[in-house]
């Protein structure tokens, strides 16, 4: 499944039954971000939505089906809130920065009730074999792969040092954002996001070329000025 593969239709085209299903899943995503996918039962969700178990069961034949649908809904929210805004930026270092900032911002704004949805369900499902764990692994790996791909593109553009380990750099910036989520949710550390931003910036600065440093600081380098002059 592609990270950006959205199955959601326009609301005006959705039949009433499907609209009800999506409203159920919106609540399910919020609940799961706080209580986990295993805490997401038909009975609990029916109580939260003030629906009958039978009415809710008609939309999901099993707990596993509900969990998989909840994951797919969370993916769609993540794409809308993080991926799509970030991918407007130019490829390379600018897009990598946009991806990390959008990710931090969506946690900071509590888009999901419990913080980073995929951080929560990854910790919960990592030792539980099955289709749900497989989908969690697939989606989270897709995001990490997208960051590493952008790092390699920035290296190709001459914005990041080509000798830098792209997998290690992606691992580091990914860790900083995850740590911010943990520190904010568990310790109510409101400075966690600013620390993460500073750590990401420091990490990218250490790996940046003069061209990349110009992008990070907002100043044109001598190479960049020369290219602009040659085009004029």
Protein backbone atom coordinates (compact mmCIF):
# COMPACT_ATOMS: atom_id res chain seq x y z
CA UNK A 1 0.00 0.00 0.00
CA UNK A 2 1.38 3.42 -0.93
CA UNK A 3 1.61 6.01 1.81
CA UNK A 4 -0.29 8.47 -0.36
CA UNK A 5 -2.85 5.99 -1.71
CA UNK A 6 -6.16 7.41 -0.48
CA UNK A 7 -9.35 5.37 -0.64
CA UNK A 8 -11.61 8.11 0.69
CA UNK A 9 -14.22 9.56 -1.65
CA UNK A 10 -15.66 13.06 -1.69
CA UNK A 11 -18.24 13.38 1.09
CA UNK A 12 -21.00 14.44 -1.27
CA UNK A 13 -20.60 11.16 -3.19
CA UNK A 14 -20.63 8.87 -0.13
CA UNK A 15 -23.80 6.86 0.53
CA UNK A 16 -25.27 7.24 4.01
CA UNK A 17 -24.02 3.83 5.18
CA UNK A 18 -20.47 4.63 4.12
CA UNK A 19 -20.70 8.08 5.71
CA UNK A 20 -21.72 6.45 9.01
CA UNK A 21 -18.78 4.06 8.69
CA UNK A 22 -16.36 6.95 8.23
CA UNK A 23 -17.79 8.77 11.25
CA UNK A 24 -17.30 5.58 13.30
CA UNK A 25 -13.70 5.31 12.09
CA UNK A 26 -12.96 8.93 12.92
CA UNK A 27 -13.88 8.19 16.54
CA UNK A 28 -12.01 4.87 16.40
CA UNK A 29 -8.79 6.61 15.36
CA UNK A 30 -8.97 9.02 18.28
CA UNK A 31 -9.72 6.23 20.74
CA UNK A 32 -6.94 4.02 19.41
CA UNK A 33 -4.40 6.85 19.66
CA UNK A 34 -5.10 6.95 23.40
CA UNK A 35 -6.09 3.39 24.34
CA UNK A 36 -4.42 1.38 21.60
CA UNK A 37 -5.80 -0.85 18.88
CA UNK A 38 -6.30 -3.73 21.32
CA UNK A 39 -8.45 -1.47 23.49
CA UNK A 40 -10.61 -0.75 20.47
CA UNK A 41 -13.58 -3.10 20.82
CA UNK A 42 -16.98 -3.00 19.15
CA UNK A 43 -18.61 -2.66 22.58
CA UNK A 44 -16.37 0.22 23.67
CA UNK A 45 -16.80 2.03 20.38
CA UNK A 46 -20.58 1.52 20.43
CA UNK A 47 -20.69 3.08 23.90
CA UNK A 48 -18.54 6.03 22.81
CA UNK A 49 -20.78 6.66 19.77
CA UNK A 50 -24.05 5.91 21.58
CA UNK A 51 -24.81 3.20 19.03
CA UNK A 52 -25.99 -0.38 19.39
CA UNK A 53 -23.39 -3.13 19.10
CA UNK A 54 -25.45 -4.71 16.35
CA UNK A 55 -25.54 -1.47 14.34
CA UNK A 56 -21.80 -1.07 14.64
CA UNK A 57 -21.09 -4.75 13.96
CA UNK A 58 -22.89 -4.41 10.63
CA UNK A 59 -20.01 -2.19 9.46
CA UNK A 60 -17.18 -4.38 10.80
CA UNK A 61 -17.44 -8.14 10.91
CA UNK A 62 -14.58 -8.60 13.34
CA UNK A 63 -12.25 -6.76 15.69
CA UNK A 64 -9.39 -7.26 13.24
CA UNK A 65 -11.39 -5.72 10.41
CA UNK A 66 -12.13 -2.73 12.65
CA UNK A 67 -8.44 -2.37 13.53
CA UNK A 68 -7.34 -2.54 9.89
CA UNK A 69 -9.95 0.01 8.84
CA UNK A 70 -8.85 2.27 11.71
CA UNK A 71 -5.26 2.08 10.51
CA UNK A 72 -6.30 2.97 6.98
CA UNK A 73 -8.26 5.95 8.28
CA UNK A 74 -5.30 7.12 10.37
CA UNK A 75 -3.13 6.87 7.27
CA UNK A 76 -5.55 9.07 5.33
CA UNK A 77 -5.48 11.69 8.11
CA UNK A 78 -1.66 11.58 8.19
CA UNK A 79 -1.50 12.05 4.43
CA UNK A 80 -3.84 15.05 4.59
CA UNK A 81 -2.19 16.71 7.60
CA UNK A 82 1.47 15.87 7.00
CA UNK A 83 2.33 14.38 3.61
CA UNK A 84 0.32 16.59 1.26
CA UNK A 85 1.38 19.95 2.81
CA UNK A 86 5.03 18.84 2.94
CA UNK A 87 5.12 17.59 -0.64
CA UNK A 88 4.27 21.05 -1.93
CA UNK A 89 7.88 22.01 -1.10
CA UNK A 90 10.68 21.59 -3.63
CA UNK A 91 12.33 18.20 -3.60
CA UNK A 92 15.49 17.81 -1.56
CA UNK A 93 16.40 19.56 1.67
CA UNK A 94 13.42 21.93 1.53
CA UNK A 95 10.96 19.04 1.30
CA UNK A 96 12.75 17.06 4.01
CA UNK A 97 12.48 20.05 6.36
CA UNK A 98 8.81 20.47 5.42
CA UNK A 99 8.12 16.79 6.14
CA UNK A 100 9.69 16.98 9.58
CA UNK A 101 8.00 20.27 10.46
CA UNK A 102 4.57 19.03 9.33
CA UNK A 103 5.04 15.87 11.37
CA UNK A 104 6.02 17.81 14.51
CA UNK A 105 3.20 20.28 13.95
CA UNK A 106 0.49 17.63 13.67
CA UNK A 107 1.54 16.16 17.03
CA UNK A 108 1.87 19.61 18.59
CA UNK A 109 -1.65 20.47 17.40
CA UNK A 110 -3.05 17.13 18.70
CA UNK A 111 -4.55 16.14 15.36
CA UNK A 112 -4.98 12.73 17.02
CA UNK A 113 -6.26 12.82 20.59
CA UNK A 114 -3.35 10.76 21.89
CA UNK A 115 -0.53 12.44 19.98
CA UNK A 116 1.29 10.60 17.20
CA UNK A 117 -1.07 7.77 16.28
CA UNK A 118 1.61 5.63 14.66
CA UNK A 119 4.02 6.05 17.57
CA UNK A 120 1.36 4.70 19.91
CA UNK A 121 0.29 1.73 17.80
CA UNK A 122 3.88 0.82 16.87
CA UNK A 123 4.81 0.41 20.54
CA UNK A 124 1.65 -1.60 21.11
CA UNK A 125 1.80 -3.93 18.11
CA UNK A 126 5.53 -4.53 17.59
CA UNK A 127 5.43 -7.97 19.27
CA UNK A 128 1.97 -9.04 18.11
CA UNK A 129 2.26 -11.03 14.84
CA UNK A 130 -0.58 -10.73 12.36
CA UNK A 131 -2.16 -8.57 9.69
CA UNK A 132 -2.55 -5.55 11.95
CA UNK A 133 1.11 -5.54 12.95
CA UNK A 134 2.10 -6.02 9.30
CA UNK A 135 0.11 -2.97 8.23
CA UNK A 136 1.53 -0.84 11.07
CA UNK A 137 5.04 -1.88 10.00
CA UNK A 138 4.30 -1.18 6.33
CA UNK A 139 2.92 2.30 6.92
CA UNK A 140 5.60 3.43 9.37
CA UNK A 141 8.36 2.06 7.14
CA UNK A 142 6.88 3.96 4.18
CA UNK A 143 7.29 7.24 6.09
CA UNK A 144 10.88 6.46 7.11
CA UNK A 145 11.67 5.40 3.54
CA UNK A 146 10.18 8.66 2.23
CA UNK A 147 12.53 10.67 4.47
CA UNK A 148 15.55 8.62 3.43
CA UNK A 149 14.59 9.04 -0.23
CA UNK A 150 14.42 12.82 0.24
CA UNK A 151 17.84 12.79 1.93
CA UNK A 152 19.33 10.90 -1.03
CA UNK A 153 17.71 13.38 -3.42
CA UNK A 154 19.20 16.27 -1.42
CA UNK A 155 22.60 14.56 -1.74
CA UNK A 156 22.09 14.23 -5.49
CA UNK A 157 21.27 17.95 -5.64
CA UNK A 158 24.46 18.77 -3.74
CA UNK A 159 22.59 20.04 -0.69
CA UNK A 160 23.76 17.31 1.69
CA UNK A 161 27.17 15.66 1.82
CA UNK A 162 27.15 12.61 -0.43
CA UNK A 163 29.38 10.75 2.03
CA UNK A 164 26.73 11.05 4.75
CA UNK A 165 24.88 7.84 5.60
CA UNK A 166 21.35 8.55 4.36
CA UNK A 167 19.80 5.72 6.42
CA UNK A 168 21.52 6.94 9.60
CA UNK A 169 20.49 10.54 8.98
CA UNK A 170 16.85 9.50 8.44
CA UNK A 171 17.03 7.39 11.61
CA UNK A 172 18.33 10.36 13.62
CA UNK A 173 15.78 12.96 12.52
CA UNK A 174 12.99 10.38 12.87
CA UNK A 175 14.15 9.71 16.44
CA UNK A 176 14.12 13.40 17.35
CA UNK A 177 10.49 13.81 16.31
CA UNK A 178 9.43 10.63 18.10
CA UNK A 179 11.21 11.78 21.26
CA UNK A 180 9.32 15.07 21.15
CA UNK A 181 6.02 13.20 21.01
CA UNK A 182 7.04 10.98 23.96
CA UNK A 183 8.29 13.88 26.08
CA UNK A 184 5.22 16.01 25.41
CA UNK A 185 2.65 13.25 25.98
CA UNK A 186 4.24 11.63 29.03
CA UNK A 187 5.88 14.61 30.75
CA UNK A 188 3.81 17.48 29.35
CA UNK A 189 7.08 19.04 28.21
CA UNK A 190 5.94 21.98 26.12
CA UNK A 191 9.51 22.73 25.03
CA UNK A 192 9.91 19.25 23.53
CA UNK A 193 8.95 20.37 20.03
CA UNK A 194 11.36 23.30 20.01
CA UNK A 195 14.14 21.01 21.21
CA UNK A 196 13.31 18.55 18.45
CA UNK A 197 13.38 21.34 15.86
CA UNK A 198 16.77 22.50 17.15
CA UNK A 199 18.11 18.94 17.12
CA UNK A 200 16.89 18.34 13.56
CA UNK A 201 18.40 21.62 12.39
CA UNK A 202 21.74 20.81 14.05
CA UNK A 203 21.76 17.34 12.51
CA UNK A 204 21.02 18.64 9.02
CA UNK A 205 23.53 21.48 9.39
CA UNK A 206 26.30 19.00 10.19
CA UNK A 207 25.50 17.03 7.02
CA UNK A 208 24.89 20.05 4.76
CA UNK A 209 27.10 21.31 1.96
CA UNK A 210 27.61 25.07 1.48
CA UNK A 211 24.58 25.00 -0.84
CA UNK A 212 22.54 23.20 1.80
CA UNK A 213 23.67 25.61 4.50
CA UNK A 214 22.40 28.43 2.34
CA UNK A 215 18.98 26.78 2.25
CA UNK A 216 18.98 26.14 5.99
CA UNK A 217 19.93 29.73 6.83
CA UNK A 218 17.93 31.36 4.06
CA UNK A 219 21.04 32.90 2.51
CA UNK A 220 22.29 32.37 -1.03
CA UNK A 221 25.73 30.79 -1.27
CA UNK A 222 28.40 31.93 -3.72
CA UNK A 223 27.61 28.86 -5.85
CA UNK A 224 23.94 29.73 -5.83
CA UNK A 225 24.63 33.35 -6.76
CA UNK A 226 26.88 32.21 -9.61
CA UNK A 227 24.14 29.96 -10.99
CA UNK A 228 21.59 32.77 -10.81
CA UNK A 229 24.03 35.13 -12.55
CA UNK A 230 24.67 32.63 -15.34
CA UNK A 231 20.91 32.33 -15.95
CA UNK A 232 20.40 36.10 -16.20
